[in-house]
């Protein structure tokens, strides 16, 4: 006898990588009140603030570089020209 296994596909925000729980392409933090994707600069600033809380020993320059490198891997921002 085999147990029935439930298959769950975890969806991730294409802007920041956060789990979206079937909310669409983007998480609640990457969209505005109308459901539109926030500009790169706004998402970048939110990601920097999050990283500063998670890794408080990093300098601002290290946080900015790590955030830039990470966001460059996200589908929404991949291939984006430098600002």
N, C-alpha and C. Protein backbone atom coordinates (compact mmCIF):
# COMPACT_ATOMS: atom_id res chain seq x y z
N UNK A 1 0.84 -1.17 0.00
CA UNK A 1 0.00 0.00 0.00
C UNK A 1 0.90 1.24 0.00
N UNK A 2 0.58 2.22 -0.85
CA UNK A 2 1.36 3.46 -0.90
C UNK A 2 0.53 4.62 -0.39
N UNK A 3 1.20 5.54 0.24
CA UNK A 3 0.52 6.73 0.75
C UNK A 3 0.35 7.74 -0.37
N UNK A 4 -0.79 8.37 -0.39
CA UNK A 4 -1.02 9.42 -1.39
C UNK A 4 -0.23 10.65 -0.98
N UNK A 5 0.58 11.13 -1.90
CA UNK A 5 1.40 12.31 -1.61
C UNK A 5 0.78 13.54 -2.25
N UNK A 6 0.71 14.59 -1.48
CA UNK A 6 0.20 15.85 -1.99
C UNK A 6 1.34 16.63 -2.60
N UNK A 7 1.16 17.08 -3.82
CA UNK A 7 2.19 17.85 -4.51
C UNK A 7 1.88 19.34 -4.37
N UNK A 8 2.84 20.06 -3.87
CA UNK A 8 2.70 21.50 -3.72
C UNK A 8 3.82 22.17 -4.50
N UNK A 9 3.45 23.08 -5.36
CA UNK A 9 4.44 23.84 -6.11
C UNK A 9 4.57 25.19 -5.44
N UNK A 10 5.76 25.49 -4.99
CA UNK A 10 6.01 26.76 -4.32
C UNK A 10 6.33 27.82 -5.36
N UNK A 11 5.55 28.89 -5.37
CA UNK A 11 5.76 29.98 -6.32
C UNK A 11 6.59 31.07 -5.65
N UNK A 12 7.43 31.71 -6.43
CA UNK A 12 8.30 32.77 -5.90
C UNK A 12 8.12 34.06 -6.69
N UNK A 13 8.24 35.17 -6.00
CA UNK A 13 8.16 36.49 -6.61
C UNK A 13 9.28 36.63 -7.64
N UNK A 14 8.93 37.10 -8.83
CA UNK A 14 9.92 37.26 -9.88
C UNK A 14 10.76 38.51 -9.70
N UNK A 15 10.43 39.31 -8.71
CA UNK A 15 11.16 40.53 -8.43
C UNK A 15 12.16 40.36 -7.29
N UNK A 16 11.74 39.63 -6.22
CA UNK A 16 12.61 39.50 -5.05
C UNK A 16 12.88 38.07 -4.59
N UNK A 17 12.12 37.11 -5.08
CA UNK A 17 12.33 35.71 -4.72
C UNK A 17 11.52 35.21 -3.55
N UNK A 18 10.75 36.07 -2.91
CA UNK A 18 9.94 35.67 -1.77
C UNK A 18 8.83 34.72 -2.22
N UNK A 19 8.46 33.78 -1.35
CA UNK A 19 7.35 32.87 -1.66
C UNK A 19 6.08 33.69 -1.80
N UNK A 20 5.32 33.43 -2.86
CA UNK A 20 4.11 34.22 -3.12
C UNK A 20 2.81 33.50 -2.77
N UNK A 21 2.86 32.20 -2.53
CA UNK A 21 1.64 31.46 -2.19
C UNK A 21 0.53 31.69 -3.22
N UNK A 22 0.87 31.53 -4.47
CA UNK A 22 -0.10 31.67 -5.57
C UNK A 22 -0.74 33.05 -5.67
N UNK A 23 -0.03 34.09 -5.27
CA UNK A 23 -0.56 35.46 -5.36
C UNK A 23 -0.28 36.06 -6.73
N UNK A 24 0.39 35.37 -7.59
CA UNK A 24 0.74 35.91 -8.89
C UNK A 24 2.24 35.96 -9.06
N UNK A 25 2.68 36.77 -10.01
CA UNK A 25 4.11 36.86 -10.32
C UNK A 25 4.93 37.53 -9.22
N UNK A 26 4.29 38.43 -8.46
CA UNK A 26 5.02 39.25 -7.50
C UNK A 26 4.41 39.14 -6.10
N UNK A 27 5.24 39.36 -5.09
CA UNK A 27 4.78 39.33 -3.70
C UNK A 27 4.14 40.66 -3.33
N UNK A 28 3.55 40.69 -2.15
CA UNK A 28 2.87 41.90 -1.68
C UNK A 28 3.81 43.07 -1.46
N UNK A 29 5.10 42.79 -1.27
CA UNK A 29 6.07 43.86 -1.01
C UNK A 29 6.59 44.51 -2.29
N UNK A 30 6.45 43.83 -3.41
CA UNK A 30 6.99 44.34 -4.67
C UNK A 30 5.94 45.02 -5.55
N UNK A 31 4.69 45.03 -5.09
CA UNK A 31 3.64 45.69 -5.85
C UNK A 31 3.05 46.85 -5.05
N UNK A 32 2.45 47.79 -5.76
CA UNK A 32 1.78 48.91 -5.10
C UNK A 32 0.34 48.55 -4.77
N UNK A 33 -0.43 49.51 -4.30
CA UNK A 33 -1.81 49.25 -3.90
C UNK A 33 -2.71 48.86 -5.07
N UNK A 34 -2.27 49.11 -6.30
CA UNK A 34 -3.03 48.72 -7.50
C UNK A 34 -2.55 47.40 -8.09
N UNK A 35 -1.60 46.77 -7.42
CA UNK A 35 -1.08 45.49 -7.92
C UNK A 35 -0.01 45.62 -8.99
N UNK A 36 0.48 46.84 -9.19
CA UNK A 36 1.51 47.09 -10.20
C UNK A 36 2.89 46.95 -9.58
N UNK A 37 3.81 46.38 -10.33
CA UNK A 37 5.18 46.23 -9.85
C UNK A 37 5.77 47.60 -9.54
N UNK A 38 6.40 47.69 -8.38
CA UNK A 38 7.06 48.93 -7.98
C UNK A 38 8.32 49.13 -8.85
N UNK A 39 8.79 50.35 -9.00
CA UNK A 39 10.02 50.60 -9.75
C UNK A 39 11.22 49.89 -9.11
N UNK A 40 12.19 49.58 -9.92
CA UNK A 40 13.40 48.90 -9.46
C UNK A 40 13.99 49.59 -8.24
N UNK A 41 14.10 50.90 -8.27
CA UNK A 41 14.72 51.64 -7.19
C UNK A 41 14.00 51.43 -5.85
N UNK A 42 12.68 51.34 -5.89
CA UNK A 42 11.91 51.10 -4.66
C UNK A 42 12.14 49.69 -4.13
N UNK A 43 12.09 48.72 -5.04
CA UNK A 43 12.32 47.33 -4.63
C UNK A 43 13.74 47.18 -4.10
N UNK A 44 14.69 47.81 -4.77
CA UNK A 44 16.09 47.77 -4.35
C UNK A 44 16.24 48.31 -2.93
N UNK A 45 15.62 49.45 -2.64
CA UNK A 45 15.71 50.06 -1.32
C UNK A 45 15.10 49.16 -0.25
N UNK A 46 13.98 48.50 -0.57
CA UNK A 46 13.36 47.57 0.39
C UNK A 46 14.28 46.38 0.64
N UNK A 47 14.89 45.88 -0.42
CA UNK A 47 15.81 44.75 -0.27
C UNK A 47 17.02 45.14 0.56
N UNK A 48 17.54 46.35 0.36
CA UNK A 48 18.67 46.83 1.16
C UNK A 48 18.30 46.90 2.65
N UNK A 49 17.12 47.44 2.94
CA UNK A 49 16.69 47.54 4.35
C UNK A 49 16.55 46.15 4.97
N UNK A 50 16.01 45.21 4.21
CA UNK A 50 15.87 43.84 4.71
C UNK A 50 17.25 43.23 4.99
N UNK A 51 18.18 43.37 4.05
CA UNK A 51 19.51 42.80 4.22
C UNK A 51 20.24 43.44 5.39
N UNK A 52 20.05 44.73 5.61
CA UNK A 52 20.69 45.41 6.74
C UNK A 52 20.20 44.83 8.07
N UNK A 53 18.94 44.42 8.13
CA UNK A 53 18.41 43.79 9.35
C UNK A 53 18.95 42.37 9.51
N UNK A 54 19.08 41.65 8.41
CA UNK A 54 19.52 40.25 8.45
C UNK A 54 21.02 40.14 8.70
N UNK A 55 21.79 41.06 8.11
CA UNK A 55 23.25 41.05 8.25
C UNK A 55 23.74 42.42 8.73
N UNK A 56 23.50 42.74 9.99
CA UNK A 56 23.80 44.08 10.49
C UNK A 56 25.28 44.46 10.53
N UNK A 57 26.18 43.51 10.38
CA UNK A 57 27.60 43.83 10.41
C UNK A 57 28.14 44.31 9.06
N UNK A 58 27.34 44.20 8.01
CA UNK A 58 27.79 44.63 6.69
C UNK A 58 27.79 46.15 6.57
N UNK A 59 28.73 46.67 5.81
CA UNK A 59 28.75 48.11 5.53
C UNK A 59 27.66 48.42 4.50
N UNK A 60 27.32 49.71 4.36
CA UNK A 60 26.33 50.10 3.37
C UNK A 60 26.77 49.69 1.96
N UNK A 61 28.05 49.83 1.68
CA UNK A 61 28.57 49.45 0.35
C UNK A 61 28.41 47.95 0.11
N UNK A 62 28.68 47.13 1.13
CA UNK A 62 28.52 45.68 0.99
C UNK A 62 27.05 45.32 0.79
N UNK A 63 26.18 45.99 1.54
CA UNK A 63 24.74 45.73 1.39
C UNK A 63 24.28 46.09 -0.01
N UNK A 64 24.70 47.24 -0.50
CA UNK A 64 24.32 47.68 -1.85
C UNK A 64 24.81 46.69 -2.90
N UNK A 65 26.05 46.23 -2.78
CA UNK A 65 26.60 45.30 -3.77
C UNK A 65 25.90 43.94 -3.72
N UNK A 66 25.67 43.43 -2.51
CA UNK A 66 24.98 42.14 -2.39
C UNK A 66 23.56 42.22 -2.93
N UNK A 67 22.89 43.33 -2.66
CA UNK A 67 21.53 43.52 -3.15
C UNK A 67 21.53 43.58 -4.68
N UNK A 68 22.43 44.33 -5.23
CA UNK A 68 22.55 44.46 -6.69
C UNK A 68 22.81 43.09 -7.33
N UNK A 69 23.74 42.35 -6.76
CA UNK A 69 24.07 41.02 -7.30
C UNK A 69 22.88 40.08 -7.23
N UNK A 70 22.16 40.09 -6.10
CA UNK A 70 21.02 39.21 -5.94
C UNK A 70 19.89 39.58 -6.89
N UNK A 71 19.55 40.86 -6.96
CA UNK A 71 18.45 41.27 -7.83
C UNK A 71 18.73 40.99 -9.30
N UNK A 72 20.00 40.98 -9.67
CA UNK A 72 20.36 40.66 -11.06
C UNK A 72 20.02 39.22 -11.42
N UNK A 73 19.79 38.38 -10.42
CA UNK A 73 19.42 36.98 -10.68
C UNK A 73 17.91 36.78 -10.78
N UNK A 74 17.14 37.79 -10.41
CA UNK A 74 15.68 37.68 -10.42
C UNK A 74 15.14 37.87 -11.83
N UNK A 75 14.16 37.03 -12.23
CA UNK A 75 13.63 37.12 -13.60
C UNK A 75 13.20 38.52 -14.03
N UNK A 76 12.57 39.26 -13.12
CA UNK A 76 12.09 40.60 -13.49
C UNK A 76 13.21 41.56 -13.81
N UNK A 77 14.35 41.43 -13.15
CA UNK A 77 15.42 42.41 -13.27
C UNK A 77 16.63 41.88 -14.04
N UNK A 78 16.64 40.61 -14.38
CA UNK A 78 17.77 40.01 -15.11
C UNK A 78 17.99 40.76 -16.43
N UNK A 79 19.24 41.11 -16.70
CA UNK A 79 19.56 41.80 -17.94
C UNK A 79 19.26 43.28 -17.92
N UNK A 80 18.88 43.80 -16.77
CA UNK A 80 18.56 45.22 -16.64
C UNK A 80 19.83 46.04 -16.76
N UNK A 81 19.74 47.18 -17.45
CA UNK A 81 20.87 48.09 -17.57
C UNK A 81 21.16 48.71 -16.20
N UNK A 82 22.39 49.06 -15.97
CA UNK A 82 22.79 49.71 -14.71
C UNK A 82 22.13 51.07 -14.61
N UNK A 83 21.84 51.48 -13.35
CA UNK A 83 21.25 52.80 -13.14
C UNK A 83 22.34 53.79 -12.83
